[in-house]
């Protein structure tokens, strides 16, 4: 017996779906979840940069924000630039007073963003401990900053 008679015609499959409500065009389309803010981190070579990176990753893991790639902004990667531009809100997390992340955004023409400066949260470049407790504390600060209904700083 040939294999093709064993394949059910597409029309028959669609008819069966309509009977059980799987293909009902009267059903409303599924709701898209609200777009998350975008978070970028400096990820520098010091403990402060590591904490900035871990904090952004924690926000991403918690579903508070979607992490994207700061290097992609500097490298003019179109898909990353589009992600950042389309985000309803942008949070830049810088680890130390040099604020390389914020400066990179400005050089790329991105001027509207919220800015979490970890050095203002007590983080010191080569002295601060990289621990789960520290990351959790910084993630809470970042979440609070995102929840504030303020206009992003025009840098």
N, C-alpha and C. Protein backbone atom coordinates (compact mmCIF):
# COMPACT_ATOMS: atom_id res chain seq x y z
N UNK A 1 0.84 -1.17 0.00
CA UNK A 1 0.00 0.00 0.00
C UNK A 1 0.89 1.24 0.00
N UNK A 2 0.64 2.24 -0.85
CA UNK A 2 1.45 3.46 -0.88
C UNK A 2 1.22 4.28 0.39
N UNK A 3 2.18 5.15 0.73
CA UNK A 3 2.12 5.94 1.96
C UNK A 3 1.14 7.10 1.88
N UNK A 4 0.87 7.66 0.67
CA UNK A 4 0.06 8.88 0.58
C UNK A 4 -1.38 8.74 1.02
N UNK A 5 -2.04 7.58 0.93
CA UNK A 5 -3.41 7.52 1.44
C UNK A 5 -3.47 7.69 2.97
N UNK A 6 -2.35 7.49 3.66
CA UNK A 6 -2.34 7.60 5.11
C UNK A 6 -2.34 9.06 5.58
N UNK A 7 -2.05 9.98 4.66
CA UNK A 7 -2.02 11.39 5.01
C UNK A 7 -3.41 11.97 4.87
N UNK A 8 -3.89 12.58 5.92
CA UNK A 8 -5.22 13.17 5.93
C UNK A 8 -5.20 14.49 5.16
N UNK A 9 -6.16 14.74 4.29
CA UNK A 9 -6.20 15.99 3.56
C UNK A 9 -6.29 17.19 4.51
N UNK A 10 -5.65 18.29 4.15
CA UNK A 10 -5.63 19.50 4.97
C UNK A 10 -7.04 19.98 5.25
N UNK A 11 -7.92 19.93 4.28
CA UNK A 11 -9.29 20.40 4.47
C UNK A 11 -9.98 19.63 5.59
N UNK A 12 -9.73 18.33 5.67
CA UNK A 12 -10.36 17.52 6.71
C UNK A 12 -9.83 17.91 8.09
N UNK A 13 -8.55 18.19 8.19
CA UNK A 13 -7.96 18.62 9.46
C UNK A 13 -8.58 19.95 9.88
N UNK A 14 -8.69 20.90 8.95
CA UNK A 14 -9.28 22.21 9.26
C UNK A 14 -10.74 22.07 9.67
N UNK A 15 -11.50 21.18 9.01
CA UNK A 15 -12.90 20.98 9.37
C UNK A 15 -13.00 20.47 10.81
N UNK A 16 -12.14 19.52 11.18
CA UNK A 16 -12.16 18.97 12.53
C UNK A 16 -11.77 20.05 13.56
N UNK A 17 -10.82 20.91 13.24
CA UNK A 17 -10.43 21.99 14.14
C UNK A 17 -11.59 22.95 14.37
N UNK A 18 -12.33 23.24 13.31
CA UNK A 18 -13.47 24.14 13.45
C UNK A 18 -14.54 23.54 14.36
N UNK A 19 -14.74 22.21 14.28
CA UNK A 19 -15.74 21.55 15.11
C UNK A 19 -15.39 21.63 16.59
N UNK A 20 -14.11 21.55 16.92
CA UNK A 20 -13.72 21.55 18.33
C UNK A 20 -13.26 22.93 18.81
N UNK A 21 -13.43 23.96 17.98
CA UNK A 21 -13.15 25.32 18.39
C UNK A 21 -11.70 25.75 18.32
N UNK A 22 -10.87 24.96 17.63
CA UNK A 22 -9.45 25.32 17.56
C UNK A 22 -9.17 26.38 16.51
N UNK A 23 -10.05 26.52 15.56
CA UNK A 23 -9.77 27.42 14.45
C UNK A 23 -10.91 28.42 14.29
N UNK A 24 -11.46 28.87 15.39
CA UNK A 24 -12.63 29.73 15.36
C UNK A 24 -12.18 31.18 15.20
N UNK A 25 -12.49 31.77 14.07
CA UNK A 25 -12.07 33.14 13.79
C UNK A 25 -12.82 34.15 14.66
N UNK A 26 -13.89 33.72 15.34
CA UNK A 26 -14.63 34.62 16.22
C UNK A 26 -13.89 34.83 17.54
N UNK A 27 -12.93 33.93 17.86
CA UNK A 27 -12.15 34.09 19.07
C UNK A 27 -11.28 35.33 18.95
N UNK A 28 -11.20 36.12 20.02
CA UNK A 28 -10.32 37.29 19.96
C UNK A 28 -8.86 36.86 19.86
N UNK A 29 -8.05 37.65 19.18
CA UNK A 29 -6.64 37.29 19.08
C UNK A 29 -6.00 37.36 20.46
N UNK A 30 -4.98 36.52 20.70
CA UNK A 30 -4.34 36.55 22.01
C UNK A 30 -3.71 37.91 22.27
N UNK A 31 -3.80 38.35 23.53
CA UNK A 31 -3.23 39.63 23.92
C UNK A 31 -1.70 39.52 23.97
N UNK A 32 -1.03 40.53 23.43
CA UNK A 32 0.41 40.59 23.55
C UNK A 32 0.75 41.11 24.94
N UNK A 33 1.74 40.50 25.59
CA UNK A 33 2.13 41.05 26.88
C UNK A 33 2.71 42.45 26.71
N UNK A 34 2.59 43.27 27.75
CA UNK A 34 3.12 44.63 27.68
C UNK A 34 4.63 44.57 27.45
N UNK A 35 5.11 45.48 26.64
CA UNK A 35 6.54 45.53 26.36
C UNK A 35 7.29 45.91 27.63
N UNK A 36 8.40 45.25 27.84
CA UNK A 36 9.22 45.51 29.02
C UNK A 36 10.21 46.62 28.74
N UNK A 37 10.63 47.30 29.78
CA UNK A 37 11.73 48.25 29.61
C UNK A 37 12.98 47.49 29.16
N UNK A 38 13.89 48.19 28.55
CA UNK A 38 15.16 47.61 28.13
C UNK A 38 16.23 48.04 29.14
N UNK A 39 17.10 47.11 29.52
CA UNK A 39 18.18 47.43 30.45
C UNK A 39 19.52 47.10 29.78
N UNK A 40 20.46 48.02 29.95
CA UNK A 40 21.82 47.85 29.46
C UNK A 40 22.77 48.00 30.64
N UNK A 41 23.91 47.32 30.58
CA UNK A 41 24.89 47.41 31.67
C UNK A 41 26.27 47.66 31.09
N UNK A 42 27.07 48.39 31.87
CA UNK A 42 28.42 48.71 31.39
C UNK A 42 29.28 47.45 31.30
N UNK A 43 29.13 46.51 32.22
CA UNK A 43 29.89 45.25 32.22
C UNK A 43 31.39 45.46 32.16
N UNK A 44 31.89 46.51 32.80
CA UNK A 44 33.32 46.81 32.79
C UNK A 44 34.15 45.76 33.50
N UNK A 45 35.46 46.00 33.56
CA UNK A 45 36.40 44.99 34.05
C UNK A 45 36.55 44.97 35.57
N UNK A 46 35.94 45.91 36.28
CA UNK A 46 36.06 45.95 37.73
C UNK A 46 34.89 45.21 38.38
N UNK A 47 34.93 45.12 39.70
CA UNK A 47 33.80 44.54 40.43
C UNK A 47 32.54 45.35 40.18
N UNK A 48 32.68 46.65 40.03
CA UNK A 48 31.51 47.50 39.77
C UNK A 48 30.86 47.13 38.44
N UNK A 49 31.67 46.90 37.42
CA UNK A 49 31.13 46.49 36.12
C UNK A 49 30.47 45.13 36.19
N UNK A 50 31.08 44.23 36.95
CA UNK A 50 30.50 42.90 37.12
C UNK A 50 29.15 43.00 37.83
N UNK A 51 29.08 43.85 38.84
CA UNK A 51 27.81 44.04 39.55
C UNK A 51 26.75 44.67 38.65
N UNK A 52 27.16 45.61 37.79
CA UNK A 52 26.21 46.21 36.84
C UNK A 52 25.64 45.13 35.93
N UNK A 53 26.51 44.27 35.42
CA UNK A 53 26.08 43.19 34.53
C UNK A 53 25.15 42.22 35.26
N UNK A 54 25.54 41.78 36.44
CA UNK A 54 24.72 40.84 37.21
C UNK A 54 23.36 41.46 37.57
N UNK A 55 23.35 42.75 37.85
CA UNK A 55 22.09 43.42 38.19
C UNK A 55 21.16 43.43 36.97
N UNK A 56 21.69 43.75 35.81
CA UNK A 56 20.87 43.74 34.59
C UNK A 56 20.35 42.34 34.30
N UNK A 57 21.20 41.35 34.47
CA UNK A 57 20.77 39.96 34.25
C UNK A 57 19.69 39.54 35.24
N UNK A 58 19.80 40.03 36.47
CA UNK A 58 18.80 39.71 37.49
C UNK A 58 17.45 40.33 37.12
N UNK A 59 17.46 41.58 36.66
CA UNK A 59 16.23 42.22 36.21
C UNK A 59 15.60 41.44 35.06
N UNK A 60 16.44 40.97 34.14
CA UNK A 60 15.96 40.17 33.01
C UNK A 60 15.33 38.87 33.53
N UNK A 61 16.02 38.21 34.45
CA UNK A 61 15.53 36.94 35.01
C UNK A 61 14.20 37.12 35.74
N UNK A 62 14.06 38.23 36.45
CA UNK A 62 12.83 38.50 37.20
C UNK A 62 11.67 38.95 36.30
N UNK A 63 11.97 39.26 35.04
CA UNK A 63 10.93 39.73 34.13
C UNK A 63 10.59 41.20 34.32
N UNK A 64 11.47 41.94 35.00
CA UNK A 64 11.27 43.36 35.24
C UNK A 64 11.67 44.16 34.00
N UNK A 65 12.70 43.69 33.31
CA UNK A 65 13.21 44.37 32.12
C UNK A 65 13.84 43.33 31.20
N UNK A 66 14.03 43.72 29.96
CA UNK A 66 14.67 42.85 28.97
C UNK A 66 16.08 43.38 28.74
N UNK A 67 17.06 42.55 29.01
CA UNK A 67 18.45 42.98 28.85
C UNK A 67 18.83 42.98 27.38
N UNK A 68 19.58 43.99 27.00
CA UNK A 68 20.12 44.05 25.65
C UNK A 68 21.61 44.32 25.74
N UNK A 69 22.25 44.50 24.60
CA UNK A 69 23.71 44.54 24.52
C UNK A 69 24.23 45.95 24.25
N UNK A 70 24.93 46.51 25.22
CA UNK A 70 25.49 47.84 25.06
C UNK A 70 26.54 47.89 23.94
N UNK A 71 27.34 46.83 23.82
CA UNK A 71 28.35 46.79 22.76
C UNK A 71 27.69 46.87 21.38
N UNK A 72 26.50 46.30 21.26
CA UNK A 72 25.78 46.37 19.99
C UNK A 72 25.35 47.78 19.63
N UNK A 73 25.12 48.60 20.64
CA UNK A 73 24.79 50.01 20.39
C UNK A 73 26.02 50.71 19.83
N UNK A 74 27.15 50.52 20.49
CA UNK A 74 28.40 51.13 20.02
C UNK A 74 28.82 50.61 18.65
N UNK A 75 28.53 49.34 18.41
CA UNK A 75 28.88 48.71 17.13
C UNK A 75 27.87 48.96 16.03
N UNK A 76 26.82 49.73 16.34
CA UNK A 76 25.78 50.08 15.37
C UNK A 76 25.09 48.85 14.77
N UNK A 77 24.84 47.85 15.62
CA UNK A 77 24.12 46.65 15.18
C UNK A 77 22.64 47.01 15.08
N UNK A 78 22.11 46.92 13.87
CA UNK A 78 20.77 47.43 13.58
C UNK A 78 19.70 46.77 14.44
N UNK A 79 19.74 45.46 14.62
CA UNK A 79 18.69 44.78 15.38
C UNK A 79 18.71 45.20 16.85
N UNK A 80 19.90 45.40 17.40
CA UNK A 80 19.99 45.83 18.80
C UNK A 80 19.54 47.28 18.93
N UNK A 81 19.93 48.12 18.00
CA UNK A 81 19.49 49.52 18.02
C UNK A 81 17.96 49.59 17.94
N UNK A 82 17.35 48.75 17.11
CA UNK A 82 15.89 48.73 16.99
C UNK A 82 15.23 48.31 18.31
N UNK A 83 15.81 47.30 18.96
CA UNK A 83 15.28 46.85 20.25
C UNK A 83 15.29 47.99 21.26
N UNK A 84 16.39 48.70 21.33
CA UNK A 84 16.53 49.80 22.28
C UNK A 84 15.58 50.94 21.94
N UNK A 85 15.47 51.27 20.67
CA UNK A 85 14.61 52.38 20.24
C UNK A 85 13.13 52.08 20.48
N UNK A 86 12.73 50.82 20.34
CA UNK A 86 11.33 50.45 20.47
C UNK A 86 10.91 50.20 21.92
N UNK A 87 11.87 50.11 22.82
CA UNK A 87 11.55 49.84 24.23
C UNK A 87 10.76 51.00 24.82
N UNK A 88 9.76 50.71 25.64
CA UNK A 88 8.97 51.79 26.23
C UNK A 88 9.79 52.64 27.22
N UNK A 89 10.86 52.05 27.73
CA UNK A 89 11.71 52.73 28.70
C UNK A 89 13.10 52.11 28.59
N UNK A 90 14.11 52.89 28.89
CA UNK A 90 15.49 52.41 28.81
C UNK A 90 16.20 52.71 30.12
N UNK A 91 16.85 51.69 30.68
CA UNK A 91 17.63 51.85 31.90
C UNK A 91 19.08 51.50 31.60
N UNK A 92 19.96 52.44 31.88
CA UNK A 92 21.40 52.21 31.75
C UNK A 92 21.96 52.03 33.16
N UNK A 93 22.68 50.92 33.39
CA UNK A 93 23.30 50.68 34.68
C UNK A 93 24.81 50.82 34.51
N UNK A 94 25.37 51.84 35.15
CA UNK A 94 26.81 52.06 35.13
C UNK A 94 27.38 51.70 36.49
N UNK A 95 28.53 51.05 36.48
CA UNK A 95 29.14 50.62 37.72
C UNK A 95 29.95 51.67 38.44
N UNK A 96 30.69 52.47 37.71
CA UNK A 96 31.61 53.40 38.35
C UNK A 96 31.40 54.83 37.87
N UNK A 97 32.07 55.79 38.47
CA UNK A 97 31.87 57.21 38.12
C UNK A 97 32.28 57.58 36.70
N UNK A 98 32.99 56.72 35.99
CA UNK A 98 33.34 57.05 34.61
C UNK A 98 32.12 57.05 33.69
N UNK A 99 31.10 56.31 34.06
CA UNK A 99 29.82 56.25 33.34
C UNK A 99 30.00 55.98 31.84
N UNK A 100 30.80 54.98 31.54
CA UNK A 100 31.07 54.62 30.14
C UNK A 100 29.80 54.22 29.38
N UNK A 101 28.89 53.53 30.06
CA UNK A 101 27.65 53.10 29.40
C UNK A 101 26.82 54.27 28.94
N UNK A 102 26.58 55.23 29.84
CA UNK A 102 25.79 56.41 29.49
C UNK A 102 26.47 57.21 28.39
N UNK A 103 27.79 57.32 28.47
CA UNK A 103 28.52 58.05 27.43
C UNK A 103 28.41 57.35 26.08
N UNK A 104 28.44 56.02 26.09
CA UNK A 104 28.28 55.25 24.84
C UNK A 104 26.91 55.49 24.23
N UNK A 105 25.88 55.52 25.08
CA UNK A 105 24.53 55.80 24.58
C UNK A 105 24.46 57.19 23.95
N UNK A 106 25.01 58.16 24.63
CA UNK A 106 24.98 59.54 24.10
C UNK A 106 25.69 59.63 22.76
N UNK A 107 26.85 58.97 22.66
CA UNK A 107 27.59 59.00 21.38
C UNK A 107 26.80 58.35 20.25
N UNK A 108 25.94 57.41 20.61
CA UNK A 108 25.10 56.75 19.60
C UNK A 108 23.81 57.52 19.34
N UNK A 109 23.63 58.66 20.03
CA UNK A 109 22.45 59.48 19.79
C UNK A 109 21.27 59.13 20.68
N UNK A 110 21.46 58.24 21.65
CA UNK A 110 20.39 57.88 22.58
C UNK A 110 20.49 58.82 23.77
N UNK A 111 19.46 59.63 23.96
CA UNK A 111 19.52 60.64 25.01
C UNK A 111 18.44 60.49 26.08
N UNK A 112 17.43 59.68 25.83
CA UNK A 112 16.36 59.49 26.82
C UNK A 112 16.54 58.14 27.48
N UNK A 113 16.99 58.17 28.73
CA UNK A 113 17.13 56.93 29.48
C UNK A 113 17.19 57.23 30.96
N UNK A 114 16.81 56.24 31.75
CA UNK A 114 17.00 56.32 33.20
C UNK A 114 18.39 55.77 33.47
N UNK A 115 19.04 56.33 34.48
CA UNK A 115 20.44 56.01 34.71
C UNK A 115 20.66 55.59 36.16
N UNK A 116 21.01 54.33 36.36
CA UNK A 116 21.35 53.84 37.69
C UNK A 116 22.87 53.86 37.80
N UNK A 117 23.37 54.68 38.71
CA UNK A 117 24.81 54.84 38.92
C UNK A 117 25.17 54.09 40.19
N UNK A 118 25.78 52.91 40.01
CA UNK A 118 26.05 52.06 41.16
C UNK A 118 26.99 52.71 42.17
N UNK A 119 27.86 53.61 41.70
CA UNK A 119 28.74 54.29 42.66
C UNK A 119 27.93 55.17 43.62
N UNK A 120 26.73 55.58 43.20
CA UNK A 120 25.86 56.34 44.10
C UNK A 120 25.09 55.42 45.06
N UNK A 121 25.18 54.12 44.80
CA UNK A 121 24.55 53.12 45.68
C UNK A 121 25.59 52.49 46.60
N UNK A 122 26.77 53.07 46.66
CA UNK A 122 27.80 52.57 47.56
C UNK A 122 28.77 51.58 46.93
N UNK A 123 28.63 51.29 45.65
CA UNK A 123 29.53 50.34 44.98
C UNK A 123 30.85 51.03 44.67
N UNK A 124 31.94 50.36 44.98
CA UNK A 124 33.29 50.86 44.69
C UNK A 124 33.96 49.92 43.71
N UNK A 125 34.64 50.50 42.74
CA UNK A 125 35.21 49.78 41.60
C UNK A 125 35.88 48.46 41.94
N UNK A 126 36.87 48.49 42.80
CA UNK A 126 37.67 47.28 43.06
C UNK A 126 37.48 46.75 44.48
N UNK A 127 36.56 47.34 45.21
CA UNK A 127 36.41 46.98 46.62
C UNK A 127 35.10 46.26 46.92
N UNK A 128 34.05 46.54 46.18
CA UNK A 128 32.74 45.99 46.49
C UNK A 128 32.68 44.49 46.25
N UNK A 129 32.01 43.83 47.17
CA UNK A 129 31.86 42.38 47.07
C UNK A 129 30.81 42.04 46.01
N UNK A 130 31.14 41.10 45.15
CA UNK A 130 30.18 40.60 44.17
C UNK A 130 29.49 39.40 44.81
N UNK A 131 28.26 39.63 45.28
CA UNK A 131 27.52 38.57 45.96
C UNK A 131 26.05 38.63 45.55
N UNK A 132 25.36 37.55 45.82
CA UNK A 132 23.92 37.50 45.51
C UNK A 132 23.17 38.59 46.28
N UNK A 133 23.57 38.82 47.52
CA UNK A 133 22.89 39.82 48.35
C UNK A 133 23.07 41.21 47.74
N UNK A 134 24.29 41.53 47.30
CA UNK A 134 24.54 42.83 46.70
C UNK A 134 23.75 42.99 45.41
N UNK A 135 23.76 41.96 44.58
CA UNK A 135 23.01 42.01 43.31
C UNK A 135 21.53 42.21 43.58
N UNK A 136 20.99 41.50 44.57
CA UNK A 136 19.57 41.63 44.90
C UNK A 136 19.24 43.05 45.35
N UNK A 137 20.10 43.63 46.18
CA UNK A 137 19.89 45.00 46.67
C UNK A 137 19.91 45.98 45.49
N UNK A 138 20.86 45.80 44.56
CA UNK A 138 20.96 46.70 43.41
C UNK A 138 19.79 46.50 42.45
N UNK A 139 19.33 45.26 42.31
CA UNK A 139 18.17 44.99 41.45
C UNK A 139 16.92 45.66 42.02
N UNK A 140 16.80 45.70 43.34
CA UNK A 140 15.67 46.39 43.97
C UNK A 140 15.74 47.89 43.69
N UNK A 141 16.94 48.46 43.77
CA UNK A 141 17.11 49.88 43.45
C UNK A 141 16.74 50.16 42.00
N UNK A 142 17.16 49.28 41.11
CA UNK A 142 16.84 49.44 39.68
C UNK A 142 15.34 49.33 39.44
N UNK A 143 14.70 48.37 40.10
CA UNK A 143 13.24 48.20 39.95
C UNK A 143 12.50 49.44 40.44
N UNK A 144 12.96 50.02 41.54
CA UNK A 144 12.34 51.23 42.06
C UNK A 144 12.50 52.38 41.08
N UNK A 145 13.68 52.49 40.49
CA UNK A 145 13.92 53.55 39.51
C UNK A 145 13.00 53.39 38.30
N UNK A 146 12.84 52.15 37.85
CA UNK A 146 11.95 51.90 36.70
C UNK A 146 10.49 52.17 37.05
N UNK A 147 10.12 51.93 38.30
CA UNK A 147 8.71 52.12 38.67
C UNK A 147 8.36 53.58 38.90
N UNK A 148 9.36 54.44 39.05
CA UNK A 148 9.08 55.86 39.21
C UNK A 148 8.54 56.41 37.92
N UNK A 149 7.45 57.11 38.03
CA UNK A 149 6.79 57.66 36.83
C UNK A 149 7.40 59.02 36.51
N UNK A 150 8.67 58.99 36.15
CA UNK A 150 9.36 60.23 35.81
C UNK A 150 9.82 60.17 34.37
N UNK A 151 9.99 61.32 33.81
CA UNK A 151 10.52 61.41 32.45
C UNK A 151 12.00 61.07 32.49
N UNK A 152 12.47 60.23 31.58
CA UNK A 152 13.89 59.90 31.56
C UNK A 152 14.75 61.15 31.41
N UNK A 153 15.93 61.07 31.96
CA UNK A 153 16.87 62.17 31.89
C UNK A 153 17.29 62.38 30.44
N UNK A 154 17.25 63.58 29.98
CA UNK A 154 17.79 63.90 28.66
C UNK A 154 19.26 64.19 28.88
N UNK A 155 20.05 63.25 28.45
CA UNK A 155 21.49 63.35 28.72
C UNK A 155 22.21 64.19 27.69
